[in-house]
């Protein structure tokens, strides 16, 4: 698949020797929500089942990416995501992820063109979840006022 972190491009140089320290496989659709996966029939998008198939379609390579360990939690927390509808650009939703220097960068074309990469429908699902998590409540007033309820707040 890909010899390193899909997001940062950091290489897993020792992976060929069985040492992948510093890298982790991340599910795009979280394994913790397998029941929701099954109820929503999300497996319909998978065309490369895991081996053995008894592990369930949620464990397909098409529902996973290799990430550097330090950013895996940010991906799982929807602090950044991949917008497959905008040239596979990485979109950061929290100030903390700006330190990774990944905002706005597209994924490596070698990864995007790989037949074993995650399906767009799952990337789209993750991106939508990130938007929902991070934009919830956006636009609501976030200021306090001394004015009593029902009073005219014009100055």
Protein backbone atom coordinates (compact mmCIF):
# COMPACT_ATOMS: atom_id res chain seq x y z
CA UNK A 1 0.00 0.00 0.00
CA UNK A 2 1.87 3.07 1.19
CA UNK A 3 5.34 3.06 2.80
CA UNK A 4 4.55 5.66 5.45
CA UNK A 5 2.08 8.10 6.93
CA UNK A 6 -0.55 8.97 4.35
CA UNK A 7 -1.00 12.45 5.85
CA UNK A 8 2.50 13.67 6.69
CA UNK A 9 4.45 11.64 4.15
CA UNK A 10 6.82 10.50 6.92
CA UNK A 11 8.40 7.25 5.71
CA UNK A 12 8.32 3.94 7.59
CA UNK A 13 11.88 3.11 6.62
CA UNK A 14 12.17 0.02 8.82
CA UNK A 15 8.78 -1.48 7.87
CA UNK A 16 10.44 -3.84 5.40
CA UNK A 17 12.21 -5.37 8.41
CA UNK A 18 9.01 -5.74 10.41
CA UNK A 19 9.53 -2.58 12.48
CA UNK A 20 6.70 -0.11 12.10
CA UNK A 21 7.29 1.73 15.38
CA UNK A 22 5.86 5.22 15.20
CA UNK A 23 3.07 4.27 12.79
CA UNK A 24 -0.44 2.95 13.37
CA UNK A 25 -3.24 1.66 11.19
CA UNK A 26 -6.31 3.86 11.59
CA UNK A 27 -9.87 2.91 10.73
CA UNK A 28 -11.68 5.61 8.78
CA UNK A 29 -15.05 4.37 10.02
CA UNK A 30 -14.26 3.57 13.69
CA UNK A 31 -14.22 -0.06 14.74
CA UNK A 32 -16.05 0.94 17.93
CA UNK A 33 -19.14 1.66 15.80
CA UNK A 34 -19.24 -1.68 13.99
CA UNK A 35 -22.90 -2.17 14.90
CA UNK A 36 -23.74 1.16 13.21
CA UNK A 37 -21.56 0.10 10.26
CA UNK A 38 -23.62 -3.08 9.89
CA UNK A 39 -27.00 -1.38 10.41
CA UNK A 40 -26.16 1.33 7.86
CA UNK A 41 -24.80 -1.21 5.37
CA UNK A 42 -21.55 0.75 4.99
CA UNK A 43 -19.83 -2.45 3.90
CA UNK A 44 -21.59 -2.13 0.53
CA UNK A 45 -18.76 0.16 -0.59
CA UNK A 46 -16.04 -2.39 0.16
CA UNK A 47 -14.88 -4.52 -2.75
CA UNK A 48 -11.70 -5.92 -1.15
CA UNK A 49 -12.71 -8.01 1.87
CA UNK A 50 -10.25 -8.64 4.71
CA UNK A 51 -8.58 -12.01 5.08
CA UNK A 52 -9.99 -13.95 6.71
CA UNK A 53 -13.43 -12.63 5.80
CA UNK A 54 -14.66 -13.54 9.28
CA UNK A 55 -13.03 -10.30 10.48
CA UNK A 56 -15.86 -8.32 8.88
CA UNK A 57 -15.80 -5.78 6.07
CA UNK A 58 -15.08 -2.96 8.52
CA UNK A 59 -11.54 -4.37 8.70
CA UNK A 60 -10.91 -4.12 4.96
CA UNK A 61 -7.83 -2.21 3.77
CA UNK A 62 -10.37 0.09 2.12
CA UNK A 63 -11.42 1.33 5.56
CA UNK A 64 -7.94 2.08 6.80
CA UNK A 65 -4.91 4.29 6.40
CA UNK A 66 -1.43 4.24 7.88
CA UNK A 67 -0.75 7.24 10.10
CA UNK A 68 2.13 8.49 12.19
CA UNK A 69 1.30 7.61 15.79
CA UNK A 70 1.31 11.24 16.91
CA UNK A 71 -1.52 12.25 14.58
CA UNK A 72 -3.67 9.12 14.80
CA UNK A 73 -5.65 10.45 17.77
CA UNK A 74 -6.30 13.73 15.94
CA UNK A 75 -7.73 11.79 12.99
CA UNK A 76 -9.90 9.65 15.28
CA UNK A 77 -11.09 12.84 17.03
CA UNK A 78 -12.04 14.46 13.70
CA UNK A 79 -9.58 17.31 14.24
CA UNK A 80 -8.61 16.96 10.58
CA UNK A 81 -9.93 15.00 7.65
CA UNK A 82 -9.48 14.39 3.94
CA UNK A 83 -11.80 16.11 1.46
CA UNK A 84 -11.92 13.66 -1.44
CA UNK A 85 -14.15 16.09 -3.37
CA UNK A 86 -11.43 18.76 -3.40
CA UNK A 87 -8.38 16.94 -4.77
CA UNK A 88 -7.97 14.90 -1.57
CA UNK A 89 -6.87 17.93 0.40
CA UNK A 90 -6.27 17.71 4.12
CA UNK A 91 -8.60 20.01 6.03
CA UNK A 92 -7.71 21.00 9.60
CA UNK A 93 -10.52 21.89 11.97
CA UNK A 94 -8.65 22.71 15.18
CA UNK A 95 -5.71 25.01 15.94
CA UNK A 96 -3.80 22.07 17.42
CA UNK A 97 -3.58 20.35 14.03
CA UNK A 98 -1.99 23.41 12.44
CA UNK A 99 1.26 22.39 14.15
CA UNK A 100 1.40 19.38 11.83
CA UNK A 101 1.76 21.69 8.79
CA UNK A 102 -0.64 19.59 6.73
CA UNK A 103 -3.55 22.01 6.15
CA UNK A 104 -4.55 22.34 2.52
CA UNK A 105 -2.04 19.83 1.20
CA UNK A 106 -3.36 17.11 -1.12
CA UNK A 107 -2.60 13.46 -0.53
CA UNK A 108 0.23 11.93 -2.53
CA UNK A 109 -1.08 10.96 -6.02
CA UNK A 110 0.62 7.57 -5.66
CA UNK A 111 -1.68 6.85 -2.73
CA UNK A 112 -4.77 8.34 -4.39
CA UNK A 113 -4.27 6.20 -7.51
CA UNK A 114 -3.69 2.98 -5.55
CA UNK A 115 -6.55 0.48 -5.96
CA UNK A 116 -6.13 -0.61 -2.33
CA UNK A 117 -6.72 2.86 -0.92
CA UNK A 118 -9.83 3.75 1.08
CA UNK A 119 -13.01 4.20 -0.92
CA UNK A 120 -14.20 7.77 -1.44
CA UNK A 121 -17.52 7.07 0.28
CA UNK A 122 -15.74 6.35 3.57
CA UNK A 123 -13.43 9.34 3.24
CA UNK A 124 -16.53 11.44 2.55
CA UNK A 125 -18.23 9.96 5.63
CA UNK A 126 -15.23 10.83 7.83
CA UNK A 127 -15.04 14.36 6.42
CA UNK A 128 -18.76 14.89 7.05
CA UNK A 129 -18.35 13.70 10.66
CA UNK A 130 -15.45 16.13 11.13
CA UNK A 131 -17.57 19.01 9.86
CA UNK A 132 -20.45 18.06 12.15
CA UNK A 133 -18.22 17.65 15.22
CA UNK A 134 -16.34 20.90 14.68
CA UNK A 135 -19.06 23.18 13.36
CA UNK A 136 -21.79 22.19 15.80
CA UNK A 137 -23.14 25.39 17.30
CA UNK A 138 -21.22 27.64 14.92
CA UNK A 139 -23.07 30.88 14.43
CA UNK A 140 -24.69 30.95 17.85
CA UNK A 141 -23.91 34.00 19.98
CA UNK A 142 -20.99 33.40 22.31
CA UNK A 143 -21.13 36.64 24.27
CA UNK A 144 -22.56 37.49 27.68
CA UNK A 145 -24.73 40.48 28.37
CA UNK A 146 -25.80 42.46 31.40
CA UNK A 147 -29.08 43.41 29.76
CA UNK A 148 -32.16 41.88 31.34
CA UNK A 149 -34.16 39.45 29.20
CA UNK A 150 -36.51 41.21 26.79
CA UNK A 151 -34.70 44.55 26.92
CA UNK A 152 -33.59 46.42 23.82
CA UNK A 153 -29.86 45.78 23.42
CA UNK A 154 -29.20 48.64 20.98
CA UNK A 155 -26.59 51.13 22.02
